[in-house]
Amino acid sequence: MVLLNVLDYSPIDEGQTASVALKQTTQLAQLAEKLGFKRFWVAEHHKVDSVAGSSPELLMMHLATSTKTIRIGSGGVMLPHYSAYKVAENFRLLEALHPERIDLGIGRSRSYRIVNEALNESKTKRLPYEQQLTDLQKYFSDDITSEHRFQALQVMPTIETAPELWLLGTGFGSARLAAEKGMSYAYAHFAKPSEQAVDVIKTYRSNFQPSVFLQQPQVIIAVFAVVAETMEQAEALATAFDLWLLFIESDSPPPYYPSIETARKRGFSASEQEKIERNRKRMLIGTAEQVKEQIEEIAERFEPDEITIIPNISGITNRMNVLRLLASAFDLSEK
């Protein structure tokens, strides 16, 4: 059985506002819970005008309060921007209020230079990513016996459970690091559908070292999913997605996710078509049964424990429809 999750960016649809986008993310999380998805994660994006999800911790608090059983997580918190101690406090507070429902997905993607400068301007030194992960695990384990520069420091509040720790990545470096730290590993297939992906995941599993947080390796594969009742409808949604990807890679992207109509009217140049062809490798496109087959192929090839779908398409009705169609295709149990 394939366990399915959802990752949402809180896209701001053409003609809508950021406030509306965040409310729509809440609707999507509630639907995902009802349909039987295991996890619902939100992203951290800065200086992307068409995306409202800039602070996963705050959005997670709202989503966890607005749902009852589904696991709520970050996909992910960009740790190099922050103090590991403060991240641990934020997520321990979330875990205290919603025990055994919180996931901390961690990444290190760098953003625009101006964003990096603004988020880090008060730091006197930058710690290696590996050290930050070690710090994070020290804080969540309440370990005050092993050697550490903040040996006696504990994270408040003191609770009995801890968030699940997931390291996000696309290559051998992140796979080895997740294995060494005894953390779960989420492979971003949507960002880098590499031919080496199978070997990356094998590297993680073969090098995994059990930790106080995790005894056996655990893998998620994350994919973009464009699903509709017909292939024609799915292709129309994918065309709008094509345009959005071109927009965010441009120098002056508009502050919205383009509609199908906008994408149809605009059209694409020859050079843009080449980019689209490359980007299409990052997507699963089709009817529910067609995308189900593609997901099952990914499951067979990579042998993940779970698969996360990213329904980053135009229109909340269409995004909710992706969840309904896949839940039905996979016969997820309604709650």
C-alpha atoms as a PDB file:
ATOM      1  CA  MET A   1       0.000   0.000   0.000  1.00  0.00           C
ATOM      2  CA  VAL A   2       1.314   3.444  -0.955  1.00  0.00           C
ATOM      3  CA  LEU A   3       1.061   5.995   1.856  1.00  0.00           C
ATOM      4  CA  LEU A   4       0.335   9.456   0.446  1.00  0.00           C
ATOM      5  CA  ASN A   5       1.123  12.906   1.833  1.00  0.00           C
ATOM      6  CA  VAL A   6       0.561  16.477   0.623  1.00  0.00           C
ATOM      7  CA  LEU A   7       2.948  19.454   0.390  1.00  0.00           C
ATOM      8  CA  ASP A   8       1.369  22.851  -0.276  1.00  0.00           C
ATOM      9  CA  TYR A   9       3.060  26.128  -1.260  1.00  0.00           C
ATOM     10  CA  SER A  10       0.019  28.364  -0.582  1.00  0.00           C
ATOM     11  CA  PRO A  11      -0.017  29.674  -4.182  1.00  0.00           C
ATOM     12  CA  ILE A  12      -1.711  33.033  -4.741  1.00  0.00           C
ATOM     13  CA  ASP A  13      -4.068  32.475  -7.647  1.00  0.00           C
ATOM     14  CA  GLU A  14      -4.534  35.179 -10.253  1.00  0.00           C
ATOM     15  CA  GLY A  15      -7.033  37.731  -8.906  1.00  0.00           C
ATOM     16  CA  GLN A  16      -6.648  36.535  -5.296  1.00  0.00           C
ATOM     17  CA  THR A  17      -4.649  37.710  -2.260  1.00  0.00           C
ATOM     18  CA  ALA A  18      -2.129  36.154   0.109  1.00  0.00           C
ATOM     19  CA  SER A  19      -4.744  36.031   2.864  1.00  0.00           C
ATOM     20  CA  VAL A  20      -7.055  34.052   0.611  1.00  0.00           C
ATOM     21  CA  ALA A  21      -4.193  31.712  -0.362  1.00  0.00           C
ATOM     22  CA  LEU A  22      -3.478  30.906   3.294  1.00  0.00           C
ATOM     23  CA  LYS A  23      -7.153  30.225   3.984  1.00  0.00           C
ATOM     24  CA  GLN A  24      -7.164  27.922   0.968  1.00  0.00           C
ATOM     25  CA  THR A  25      -4.185  26.039   2.409  1.00  0.00           C
ATOM     26  CA  THR A  26      -6.288  25.457   5.527  1.00  0.00           C
ATOM     27  CA  GLN A  27      -9.118  24.096   3.375  1.00  0.00           C
ATOM     28  CA  LEU A  28      -6.680  21.784   1.609  1.00  0.00           C
ATOM     29  CA  ALA A  29      -5.265  20.481   4.908  1.00  0.00           C
ATOM     30  CA  GLN A  30      -8.740  19.766   6.247  1.00  0.00           C
ATOM     31  CA  LEU A  31      -9.653  17.921   3.061  1.00  0.00           C
ATOM     32  CA  ALA A  32      -6.404  15.926   3.127  1.00  0.00           C
ATOM     33  CA  GLU A  33      -7.227  14.817   6.659  1.00  0.00           C
ATOM     34  CA  LYS A  34     -10.775  13.819   5.730  1.00  0.00           C
ATOM     35  CA  LEU A  35      -9.576  11.822   2.706  1.00  0.00           C
ATOM     36  CA  GLY A  36      -6.962   9.834   4.621  1.00  0.00           C
ATOM     37  CA  PHE A  37      -3.626  11.405   3.639  1.00  0.00           C
ATOM     38  CA  LYS A  38      -0.965  10.820   6.303  1.00  0.00           C
ATOM     39  CA  ARG A  39       0.881  14.164   6.362  1.00  0.00           C
ATOM     40  CA  PHE A  40       0.307  17.734   5.272  1.00  0.00           C
ATOM     41  CA  TRP A  41       3.445  19.873   4.947  1.00  0.00           C
ATOM     42  CA  VAL A  42       3.967  23.522   4.079  1.00  0.00           C
ATOM     43  CA  ALA A  43       7.006  25.176   2.528  1.00  0.00           C
ATOM     44  CA  GLU A  44       9.309  28.090   3.287  1.00  0.00           C
ATOM     45  CA  HIS A  45       9.676  30.475   0.357  1.00  0.00           C
ATOM     46  CA  HIS A  46      11.045  34.010   0.455  1.00  0.00           C
ATOM     47  CA  LYS A  47      10.743  36.716  -2.203  1.00  0.00           C
ATOM     48  CA  VAL A  48       8.430  34.580  -4.339  1.00  0.00           C
ATOM     49  CA  ASP A  49       5.544  36.983  -4.841  1.00  0.00           C
ATOM     50  CA  SER A  50       3.112  34.314  -6.037  1.00  0.00           C
ATOM     51  CA  VAL A  51       3.555  32.169  -2.901  1.00  0.00           C
ATOM     52  CA  ALA A  52       2.175  33.076   0.536  1.00  0.00           C
ATOM     53  CA  GLY A  53       4.023  30.394   2.530  1.00  0.00           C
ATOM     54  CA  SER A  54       6.999  32.227   4.046  1.00  0.00           C
ATOM     55  CA  SER A  55       6.850  31.045   7.685  1.00  0.00           C
ATOM     56  CA  PRO A  56       6.052  27.337   8.010  1.00  0.00           C
ATOM     57  CA  GLU A  57       6.120  27.322  11.833  1.00  0.00           C
ATOM     58  CA  LEU A  58       3.369  29.919  12.117  1.00  0.00           C
ATOM     59  CA  LEU A  59       1.265  28.371   9.371  1.00  0.00           C
ATOM     60  CA  MET A  60       1.734  24.940  10.946  1.00  0.00           C
ATOM     61  CA  MET A  61       0.369  26.192  14.259  1.00  0.00           C
ATOM     62  CA  HIS A  62      -2.784  27.374  12.524  1.00  0.00           C
ATOM     63  CA  LEU A  63      -3.130  24.167  10.494  1.00  0.00           C
ATOM     64  CA  ALA A  64      -2.586  21.886  13.470  1.00  0.00           C
ATOM     65  CA  THR A  65      -5.295  23.769  15.361  1.00  0.00           C
ATOM     66  CA  SER A  66      -7.603  23.590  12.335  1.00  0.00           C
ATOM     67  CA  THR A  67      -7.237  19.787  12.012  1.00  0.00           C
ATOM     68  CA  LYS A  68      -7.370  16.867  14.434  1.00  0.00           C
ATOM     69  CA  THR A  69      -5.364  13.835  13.354  1.00  0.00           C
ATOM     70  CA  ILE A  70      -3.245  14.453  10.236  1.00  0.00           C
ATOM     71  CA  ARG A  71       0.476  15.039  10.803  1.00  0.00           C
ATOM     72  CA  ILE A  72       1.473  18.652  10.095  1.00  0.00           C
ATOM     73  CA  GLY A  73       4.991  19.501   8.997  1.00  0.00           C
ATOM     74  CA  SER A  74       7.492  21.792   7.312  1.00  0.00           C
ATOM     75  CA  GLY A  75       8.868  21.022   3.911  1.00  0.00           C
ATOM     76  CA  GLY A  76      11.066  22.562   5.065  1.00  0.00           C
ATOM     77  CA  VAL A  77      12.698  24.991   7.469  1.00  0.00           C
ATOM     78  CA  MET A  78      15.892  26.357   5.901  1.00  0.00           C
ATOM     79  CA  LEU A  79      18.134  25.775   8.924  1.00  0.00           C
ATOM     80  CA  PRO A  80      21.232  27.785   7.880  1.00  0.00           C
ATOM     81  CA  HIS A  81      19.184  30.986   8.238  1.00  0.00           C
ATOM     82  CA  TYR A  82      18.350  30.333  11.881  1.00  0.00           C
ATOM     83  CA  SER A  83      19.525  29.341  15.324  1.00  0.00           C
ATOM     84  CA  ALA A  84      19.035  25.599  15.850  1.00  0.00           C
ATOM     85  CA  TYR A  85      18.046  26.407  19.435  1.00  0.00           C
ATOM     86  CA  LYS A  86      15.216  28.699  18.326  1.00  0.00           C
ATOM     87  CA  VAL A  87      14.006  26.211  15.708  1.00  0.00           C
ATOM     88  CA  ALA A  88      13.950  23.513  18.404  1.00  0.00           C
ATOM     89  CA  GLU A  89      11.929  25.765  20.706  1.00  0.00           C
ATOM     90  CA  ASN A  90       9.413  26.579  17.980  1.00  0.00           C
ATOM     91  CA  PHE A  91       8.862  22.950  17.095  1.00  0.00           C
ATOM     92  CA  ARG A  92       8.852  21.677  20.659  1.00  0.00           C
ATOM     93  CA  LEU A  93       6.098  24.169  21.410  1.00  0.00           C
ATOM     94  CA  LEU A  94       4.170  22.888  18.398  1.00  0.00           C
ATOM     95  CA  GLU A  95       4.732  19.317  19.572  1.00  0.00           C
ATOM     96  CA  ALA A  96       3.625  20.176  23.120  1.00  0.00           C
ATOM     97  CA  LEU A  97       0.316  21.527  21.830  1.00  0.00           C
ATOM     98  CA  HIS A  98      -0.175  18.780  19.220  1.00  0.00           C
ATOM     99  CA  PRO A  99       1.720  15.688  20.465  1.00  0.00           C
ATOM    100  CA  GLU A 100       2.816  13.071  17.918  1.00  0.00           C
ATOM    101  CA  ARG A 101       1.472  15.160  15.022  1.00  0.00           C
ATOM    102  CA  ILE A 102       4.424  17.444  14.187  1.00  0.00           C
ATOM    103  CA  ASP A 103       7.129  16.912  11.530  1.00  0.00           C
ATOM    104  CA  LEU A 104      10.241  19.056  11.212  1.00  0.00           C
ATOM    105  CA  GLY A 105      11.516  18.899   7.659  1.00  0.00           C
ATOM    106  CA  ILE A 106      14.928  20.572   7.400  1.00  0.00           C
ATOM    107  CA  GLY A 107      16.682  21.956   4.333  1.00  0.00           C
ATOM    108  CA  ARG A 108      19.535  24.264   3.432  1.00  0.00           C
ATOM    109  CA  SER A 109      18.555  25.772   0.098  1.00  0.00           C
ATOM    110  CA  ARG A 110      19.913  29.259  -0.372  1.00  0.00           C
ATOM    111  CA  SER A 111      17.541  31.941  -1.580  1.00  0.00           C
ATOM    112  CA  TYR A 112      18.061  35.259  -3.357  1.00  0.00           C
ATOM    113  CA  ARG A 113      21.184  37.082  -2.159  1.00  0.00           C
ATOM    114  CA  ILE A 114      19.147  39.919  -0.656  1.00  0.00           C
ATOM    115  CA  VAL A 115      17.064  37.379   1.307  1.00  0.00           C
ATOM    116  CA  ASN A 116      20.162  35.587   2.557  1.00  0.00           C
ATOM    117  CA  GLU A 117      21.654  38.894   3.701  1.00  0.00           C
ATOM    118  CA  ALA A 118      18.469  40.020   5.447  1.00  0.00           C
ATOM    119  CA  LEU A 119      18.007  36.722   7.291  1.00  0.00           C
ATOM    120  CA  ASN A 120      21.631  36.501   8.390  1.00  0.00           C
ATOM    121  CA  GLU A 121      22.825  40.078   8.880  1.00  0.00           C
ATOM    122  CA  SER A 122      22.875  39.879  12.695  1.00  0.00           C
ATOM    123  CA  LYS A 123      25.006  36.726  12.832  1.00  0.00           C
ATOM    124  CA  THR A 124      28.626  37.059  13.913  1.00  0.00           C
ATOM    125  CA  LYS A 125      29.476  33.607  12.576  1.00  0.00           C
ATOM    126  CA  ARG A 126      27.882  30.925  10.455  1.00  0.00           C
ATOM    127  CA  LEU A 127      27.949  27.376  11.729  1.00  0.00           C
ATOM    128  CA  PRO A 128      28.409  24.403   9.400  1.00  0.00           C
ATOM    129  CA  TYR A 129      25.108  22.762   8.456  1.00  0.00           C
ATOM    130  CA  GLU A 130      26.299  19.483   9.986  1.00  0.00           C
ATOM    131  CA  GLN A 131      26.898  21.222  13.326  1.00  0.00           C
ATOM    132  CA  GLN A 132      23.430  22.772  13.243  1.00  0.00           C
ATOM    133  CA  LEU A 133      21.883  19.331  12.751  1.00  0.00           C
ATOM    134  CA  THR A 134      23.909  17.989  15.671  1.00  0.00           C
ATOM    135  CA  ASP A 135      22.719  20.922  17.773  1.00  0.00           C
ATOM    136  CA  LEU A 136      19.105  20.328  16.805  1.00  0.00           C
ATOM    137  CA  GLN A 137      19.279  16.676  17.819  1.00  0.00           C
ATOM    138  CA  LYS A 138      20.982  17.578  21.107  1.00  0.00           C
ATOM    139  CA  TYR A 139      18.176  19.982  21.968  1.00  0.00           C
ATOM    140  CA  PHE A 140      15.357  17.594  21.065  1.00  0.00           C
ATOM    141  CA  SER A 141      16.933  14.701  22.994  1.00  0.00           C
ATOM    142  CA  ASP A 142      17.430  16.779  26.195  1.00  0.00           C
ATOM    143  CA  ASP A 143      20.995  15.463  26.292  1.00  0.00           C
ATOM    144  CA  ILE A 144      23.025  17.372  28.907  1.00  0.00           C
ATOM    145  CA  THR A 145      25.683  14.702  29.465  1.00  0.00           C
ATOM    146  CA  SER A 146      27.607  14.550  26.186  1.00  0.00           C
ATOM    147  CA  GLU A 147      30.211  17.145  25.262  1.00  0.00           C
ATOM    148  CA  HIS A 148      28.634  20.202  23.656  1.00  0.00           C
ATOM    149  CA  ARG A 149      29.377  23.905  23.740  1.00  0.00           C
ATOM    150  CA  PHE A 150      25.932  24.485  25.300  1.00  0.00           C
ATOM    151  CA  GLN A 151      26.007  21.330  27.387  1.00  0.00           C
ATOM    152  CA  ALA A 152      23.570  22.421  30.114  1.00  0.00           C
ATOM    153  CA  LEU A 153      21.104  24.128  27.782  1.00  0.00           C
ATOM    154  CA  GLN A 154      17.675  22.526  27.438  1.00  0.00           C
ATOM    155  CA  VAL A 155      14.809  23.463  25.175  1.00  0.00           C
ATOM    156  CA  MET A 156      11.551  24.541  26.750  1.00  0.00           C
ATOM    157  CA  PRO A 157       8.897  23.375  27.240  1.00  0.00           C
ATOM    158  CA  THR A 158       9.897  19.958  28.636  1.00  0.00           C
ATOM    159  CA  ILE A 159       7.655  17.292  27.083  1.00  0.00           C
ATOM    160  CA  GLU A 160       7.580  13.520  26.582  1.00  0.00           C
ATOM    161  CA  THR A 161       7.504  13.439  22.766  1.00  0.00           C
ATOM    162  CA  ALA A 162       9.506  14.985  19.928  1.00  0.00           C
ATOM    163  CA  PRO A 163       8.732  16.016  16.342  1.00  0.00           C
ATOM    164  CA  GLU A 164       9.779  13.636  13.588  1.00  0.00           C
ATOM    165  CA  LEU A 165      13.013  14.919  12.049  1.00  0.00           C
ATOM    166  CA  TRP A 166      13.263  14.793   8.251  1.00  0.00           C
ATOM    167  CA  LEU A 167      16.264  15.910   6.208  1.00  0.00           C
ATOM    168  CA  LEU A 168      15.307  17.223   2.763  1.00  0.00           C
ATOM    169  CA  GLY A 169      17.696  16.743  -0.128  1.00  0.00           C
ATOM    170  CA  THR A 170      18.412  15.855  -3.747  1.00  0.00           C
ATOM    171  CA  GLY A 171      21.874  14.311  -3.701  1.00  0.00           C
ATOM    172  CA  PHE A 172      24.447  12.021  -2.130  1.00  0.00           C
ATOM    173  CA  GLY A 173      25.635  14.634   0.362  1.00  0.00           C
ATOM    174  CA  SER A 174      22.248  15.065   2.000  1.00  0.00           C
ATOM    175  CA  ALA A 175      21.601  11.293   1.866  1.00  0.00           C
ATOM    176  CA  ARG A 176      24.840  10.507   3.687  1.00  0.00           C
ATOM    177  CA  LEU A 177      24.206  13.266   6.211  1.00  0.00           C
ATOM    178  CA  ALA A 178      20.694  11.994   6.974  1.00  0.00           C
ATOM    179  CA  ALA A 179      22.074   8.469   7.343  1.00  0.00           C
ATOM    180  CA  GLU A 180      24.911   9.586   9.628  1.00  0.00           C
ATOM    181  CA  LYS A 181      22.542  11.567  11.862  1.00  0.00           C
ATOM    182  CA  GLY A 182      19.945   8.797  12.007  1.00  0.00           C
ATOM    183  CA  MET A 183      17.246  11.002  10.492  1.00  0.00           C
ATOM    184  CA  SER A 184      14.432  10.326   8.044  1.00  0.00           C
ATOM    185  CA  TYR A 185      15.170  11.386   4.444  1.00  0.00           C
ATOM    186  CA  ALA A 186      12.852  13.197   2.021  1.00  0.00           C
ATOM    187  CA  TYR A 187      14.053  13.188  -1.590  1.00  0.00           C
ATOM    188  CA  ALA A 188      12.829  16.162  -3.645  1.00  0.00           C
ATOM    189  CA  HIS A 189      12.138  14.371  -6.929  1.00  0.00           C
ATOM    190  CA  PHE A 190      10.104  17.426  -8.032  1.00  0.00           C
ATOM    191  CA  ALA A 191      13.228  19.592  -7.833  1.00  0.00           C
ATOM    192  CA  LYS A 192      15.780  17.170  -9.261  1.00  0.00           C
ATOM    193  CA  PRO A 193      14.459  14.026 -10.999  1.00  0.00           C
ATOM    194  CA  SER A 194      17.991  12.713 -11.431  1.00  0.00           C
ATOM    195  CA  GLU A 195      18.969   9.363 -12.929  1.00  0.00           C
ATOM    196  CA  GLN A 196      21.095   8.914  -9.804  1.00  0.00           C
ATOM    197  CA  ALA A 197      18.102   9.201  -7.460  1.00  0.00           C
ATOM    198  CA  VAL A 198      17.846   5.433  -6.919  1.00  0.00           C
ATOM    199  CA  ASP A 199      21.512   5.317  -5.920  1.00  0.00           C
ATOM    200  CA  VAL A 200      21.078   8.354  -3.664  1.00  0.00           C
ATOM    201  CA  ILE A 201      18.329   6.589  -1.714  1.00  0.00           C
ATOM    202  CA  LYS A 202      20.298   3.336  -1.619  1.00  0.00           C
ATOM    203  CA  THR A 203      23.226   5.300  -0.201  1.00  0.00           C
ATOM    204  CA  TYR A 204      20.984   6.638   2.557  1.00  0.00           C
ATOM    205  CA  ARG A 205      19.601   3.217   3.446  1.00  0.00           C
ATOM    206  CA  SER A 206      22.938   1.378   3.345  1.00  0.00           C
ATOM    207  CA  ASN A 207      24.723   3.972   5.485  1.00  0.00           C
ATOM    208  CA  PHE A 208      21.919   4.556   7.992  1.00  0.00           C
ATOM    209  CA  GLN A 209      22.967   4.675  11.646  1.00  0.00           C
ATOM    210  CA  PRO A 210      20.172   4.302  14.232  1.00  0.00           C
ATOM    211  CA  SER A 211      19.639   7.245  16.576  1.00  0.00           C
ATOM    212  CA  VAL A 212      17.484   8.041  19.595  1.00  0.00           C
ATOM    213  CA  PHE A 213      14.997   9.479  17.097  1.00  0.00           C
ATOM    214  CA  LEU A 214      14.876   6.715  14.497  1.00  0.00           C
ATOM    215  CA  GLN A 215      15.836   3.043  14.530  1.00  0.00           C
ATOM    216  CA  GLN A 216      15.221   2.187  10.862  1.00  0.00           C
ATOM    217  CA  PRO A 217      15.706   4.296   7.715  1.00  0.00           C
ATOM    218  CA  GLN A 218      12.610   6.079   6.463  1.00  0.00           C
ATOM    219  CA  VAL A 219      12.190   7.640   3.009  1.00  0.00           C
ATOM    220  CA  ILE A 220       9.719  10.000   1.373  1.00  0.00           C
ATOM    221  CA  ILE A 221       9.718  10.833  -2.356  1.00  0.00           C
ATOM    222  CA  ALA A 222       8.086  14.192  -3.211  1.00  0.00           C
ATOM    223  CA  VAL A 223       6.593  14.799  -6.675  1.00  0.00           C
ATOM    224  CA  PHE A 224       4.579  17.474  -8.488  1.00  0.00           C
ATOM    225  CA  ALA A 225       1.165  16.046  -9.417  1.00  0.00           C
ATOM    226  CA  VAL A 226      -1.191  17.504 -12.036  1.00  0.00           C
ATOM    227  CA  VAL A 227      -4.404  15.467 -12.002  1.00  0.00           C
ATOM    228  CA  ALA A 228      -7.821  16.037 -13.575  1.00  0.00           C
ATOM    229  CA  GLU A 229     -10.841  14.066 -14.823  1.00  0.00           C
ATOM    230  CA  THR A 230      -9.487  14.015 -18.395  1.00  0.00           C
ATOM    231  CA  MET A 231      -6.057  14.211 -19.982  1.00  0.00           C
ATOM    232  CA  GLU A 232      -7.149  17.360 -21.815  1.00  0.00           C
ATOM    233  CA  GLN A 233      -7.991  19.093 -18.515  1.00  0.00           C
ATOM    234  CA  ALA A 234      -4.750  17.902 -16.948  1.00  0.00           C
ATOM    235  CA  GLU A 235      -2.769  19.255 -19.892  1.00  0.00           C
ATOM    236  CA  ALA A 236      -4.482  22.656 -19.554  1.00  0.00           C
ATOM    237  CA  LEU A 237      -3.537  22.791 -15.859  1.00  0.00           C
ATOM    238  CA  ALA A 238       0.001  21.677 -16.696  1.00  0.00           C
ATOM    239  CA  THR A 239       0.313  24.521 -19.218  1.00  0.00           C
ATOM    240  CA  ALA A 240      -0.505  27.065 -16.497  1.00  0.00           C
ATOM    241  CA  PHE A 241       2.029  25.280 -14.276  1.00  0.00           C
ATOM    242  CA  ASP A 242       4.591  25.555 -17.096  1.00  0.00           C
ATOM    243  CA  LEU A 243       4.058  29.308 -17.166  1.00  0.00           C
ATOM    244  CA  TRP A 244       4.334  29.636 -13.377  1.00  0.00           C
ATOM    245  CA  LEU A 245       7.689  27.834 -13.401  1.00  0.00           C
ATOM    246  CA  LEU A 246       8.897  30.171 -16.154  1.00  0.00           C
ATOM    247  CA  PHE A 247       7.649  33.163 -14.162  1.00  0.00           C
ATOM    248  CA  ILE A 248       9.519  32.270 -10.953  1.00  0.00           C
ATOM    249  CA  GLU A 249      12.732  31.751 -12.910  1.00  0.00           C
ATOM    250  CA  SER A 250      12.423  35.184 -14.561  1.00  0.00           C
ATOM    251  CA  ASP A 251      13.746  38.558 -13.418  1.00  0.00           C
ATOM    252  CA  SER A 252      10.326  40.115 -12.825  1.00  0.00           C
ATOM    253  CA  PRO A 253       7.722  37.457 -11.981  1.00  0.00           C
ATOM    254  CA  PRO A 254       4.112  38.620 -11.455  1.00  0.00           C
ATOM    255  CA  PRO A 255       2.638  38.371  -7.952  1.00  0.00           C
ATOM    256  CA  TYR A 256       0.202  35.583  -8.798  1.00  0.00           C
ATOM    257  CA  TYR A 257      -0.126  32.034 -10.078  1.00  0.00           C
ATOM    258  CA  PRO A 258      -1.373  32.321 -13.687  1.00  0.00           C
ATOM    259  CA  SER A 259      -4.753  30.964 -14.728  1.00  0.00           C
ATOM    260  CA  ILE A 260      -5.269  28.486 -17.550  1.00  0.00           C
ATOM    261  CA  GLU A 261      -6.716  31.285 -19.675  1.00  0.00           C
ATOM    262  CA  THR A 262      -3.669  33.510 -19.108  1.00  0.00           C
ATOM    263  CA  ALA A 263      -1.347  30.668 -20.121  1.00  0.00           C
ATOM    264  CA  ARG A 264      -3.368  29.965 -23.268  1.00  0.00           C
ATOM    265  CA  LYS A 265      -3.400  33.582 -24.361  1.00  0.00           C
ATOM    266  CA  ARG A 266       0.290  34.169 -23.721  1.00  0.00           C
ATOM    267  CA  GLY A 267       1.826  31.196 -25.498  1.00  0.00           C
ATOM    268  CA  PHE A 268       5.528  30.245 -25.328  1.00  0.00           C
ATOM    269  CA  SER A 269       8.661  31.043 -27.316  1.00  0.00           C
ATOM    270  CA  ALA A 270      10.960  28.355 -28.720  1.00  0.00           C
ATOM    271  CA  SER A 271      13.490  28.833 -25.915  1.00  0.00           C
ATOM    272  CA  GLU A 272      10.695  28.663 -23.338  1.00  0.00           C
ATOM    273  CA  GLN A 273       9.457  25.430 -24.881  1.00  0.00           C
ATOM    274  CA  GLU A 274      12.893  23.922 -24.257  1.00  0.00           C
ATOM    275  CA  LYS A 275      12.674  24.900 -20.576  1.00  0.00           C
ATOM    276  CA  ILE A 276       9.152  23.521 -20.389  1.00  0.00           C
ATOM    277  CA  GLU A 277      10.313  20.201 -21.810  1.00  0.00           C
ATOM    278  CA  ARG A 278      12.917  19.964 -19.049  1.00  0.00           C
ATOM    279  CA  ASN A 279      10.461  21.025 -16.350  1.00  0.00           C
ATOM    280  CA  ARG A 280       7.892  18.460 -17.459  1.00  0.00           C
ATOM    281  CA  LYS A 281      10.248  15.755 -16.162  1.00  0.00           C
ATOM    282  CA  ARG A 282       9.492  17.112 -12.707  1.00  0.00           C
ATOM    283  CA  MET A 283       5.721  16.512 -13.013  1.00  0.00           C
ATOM    284  CA  LEU A 284       3.267  13.637 -13.020  1.00  0.00           C
ATOM    285  CA  ILE A 285       0.429  14.579 -15.385  1.00  0.00           C
ATOM    286  CA  GLY A 286      -2.809  12.836 -16.294  1.00  0.00           C
ATOM    287  CA  THR A 287      -6.049  11.362 -15.039  1.00  0.00           C
ATOM    288  CA  ALA A 288      -6.154   9.805 -11.582  1.00  0.00           C
ATOM    289  CA  GLU A 289      -5.529   6.326 -12.974  1.00  0.00           C
ATOM    290  CA  GLN A 290      -2.655   7.528 -15.151  1.00  0.00           C
ATOM    291  CA  VAL A 291      -0.991   9.387 -12.271  1.00  0.00           C
ATOM    292  CA  LYS A 292      -1.638   6.438  -9.981  1.00  0.00           C
ATOM    293  CA  GLU A 293       0.331   4.262 -12.407  1.00  0.00           C
ATOM    294  CA  GLN A 294       3.165   6.817 -12.431  1.00  0.00           C
ATOM    295  CA  ILE A 295       3.191   6.951  -8.614  1.00  0.00           C
ATOM    296  CA  GLU A 296       3.242   3.162  -8.432  1.00  0.00           C
ATOM    297  CA  GLU A 297       6.177   3.099 -10.875  1.00  0.00           C
ATOM    298  CA  ILE A 298       8.038   5.546  -8.599  1.00  0.00           C
ATOM    299  CA  ALA A 299       7.157   3.399  -5.586  1.00  0.00           C
ATOM    300  CA  GLU A 300       8.482   0.275  -7.309  1.00  0.00           C
ATOM    301  CA  ARG A 301      11.646   1.982  -8.494  1.00  0.00           C
ATOM    302  CA  PHE A 302      12.623   3.852  -5.333  1.00  0.00           C
ATOM    303  CA  GLU A 303      10.895   1.714  -2.676  1.00  0.00           C
ATOM    304  CA  PRO A 304      10.014   4.731  -0.498  1.00  0.00           C
ATOM    305  CA  ASP A 305       7.985   4.407   2.685  1.00  0.00           C
ATOM    306  CA  GLU A 306       5.716   7.261   1.585  1.00  0.00           C
ATOM    307  CA  ILE A 307       5.104   9.515  -1.414  1.00  0.00           C
ATOM    308  CA  THR A 308       4.300  13.211  -1.082  1.00  0.00           C
ATOM    309  CA  ILE A 309       2.308  14.869  -3.830  1.00  0.00           C
ATOM    310  CA  ILE A 310       2.553  18.599  -4.524  1.00  0.00           C
ATOM    311  CA  PRO A 311      -0.692  19.740  -6.218  1.00  0.00           C
ATOM    312  CA  ASN A 312       0.788  23.103  -7.171  1.00  0.00           C
ATOM    313  CA  ILE A 313      -1.731  23.951  -9.878  1.00  0.00           C
ATOM    314  CA  SER A 314      -4.029  26.871 -10.654  1.00  0.00           C
ATOM    315  CA  GLY A 315      -7.213  27.213  -8.593  1.00  0.00           C
ATOM    316  CA  ILE A 316      -8.153  25.875  -5.158  1.00  0.00           C
ATOM    317  CA  THR A 317     -10.993  23.848  -6.687  1.00  0.00           C
ATOM    318  CA  ASN A 318      -8.483  22.116  -8.957  1.00  0.00           C
ATOM    319  CA  ARG A 319      -6.027  21.532  -6.106  1.00  0.00           C
ATOM    320  CA  MET A 320      -8.743  20.002  -3.952  1.00  0.00           C
ATOM    321  CA  ASN A 321      -9.812  17.878  -6.925  1.00  0.00           C
ATOM    322  CA  VAL A 322      -6.294  16.427  -7.175  1.00  0.00           C
ATOM    323  CA  LEU A 323      -6.615  15.162  -3.609  1.00  0.00           C
ATOM    324  CA  ARG A 324     -10.100  13.748  -4.156  1.00  0.00           C
ATOM    325  CA  LEU A 325      -9.178  11.996  -7.390  1.00  0.00           C
ATOM    326  CA  LEU A 326      -6.016  10.405  -5.991  1.00  0.00           C
ATOM    327  CA  ALA A 327      -7.705   9.440  -2.717  1.00  0.00           C
ATOM    328  CA  SER A 328     -10.339   7.627  -4.737  1.00  0.00           C
ATOM    329  CA  ALA A 329      -7.810   6.018  -7.084  1.00  0.00           C
ATOM    330  CA  PHE A 330      -5.752   4.727  -4.160  1.00  0.00           C
ATOM    331  CA  ASP A 331      -8.822   3.894  -2.084  1.00  0.00           C
ATOM    332  CA  LEU A 332      -7.639   5.960   0.874  1.00  0.00           C
ATOM    333  CA  SER A 333      -9.928   5.561   3.864  1.00  0.00           C
ATOM    334  CA  GLU A 334     -12.076   8.569   4.719  1.00  0.00           C
ATOM    335  CA  LYS A 335     -12.039   9.646   8.347  1.00  0.00           C
END
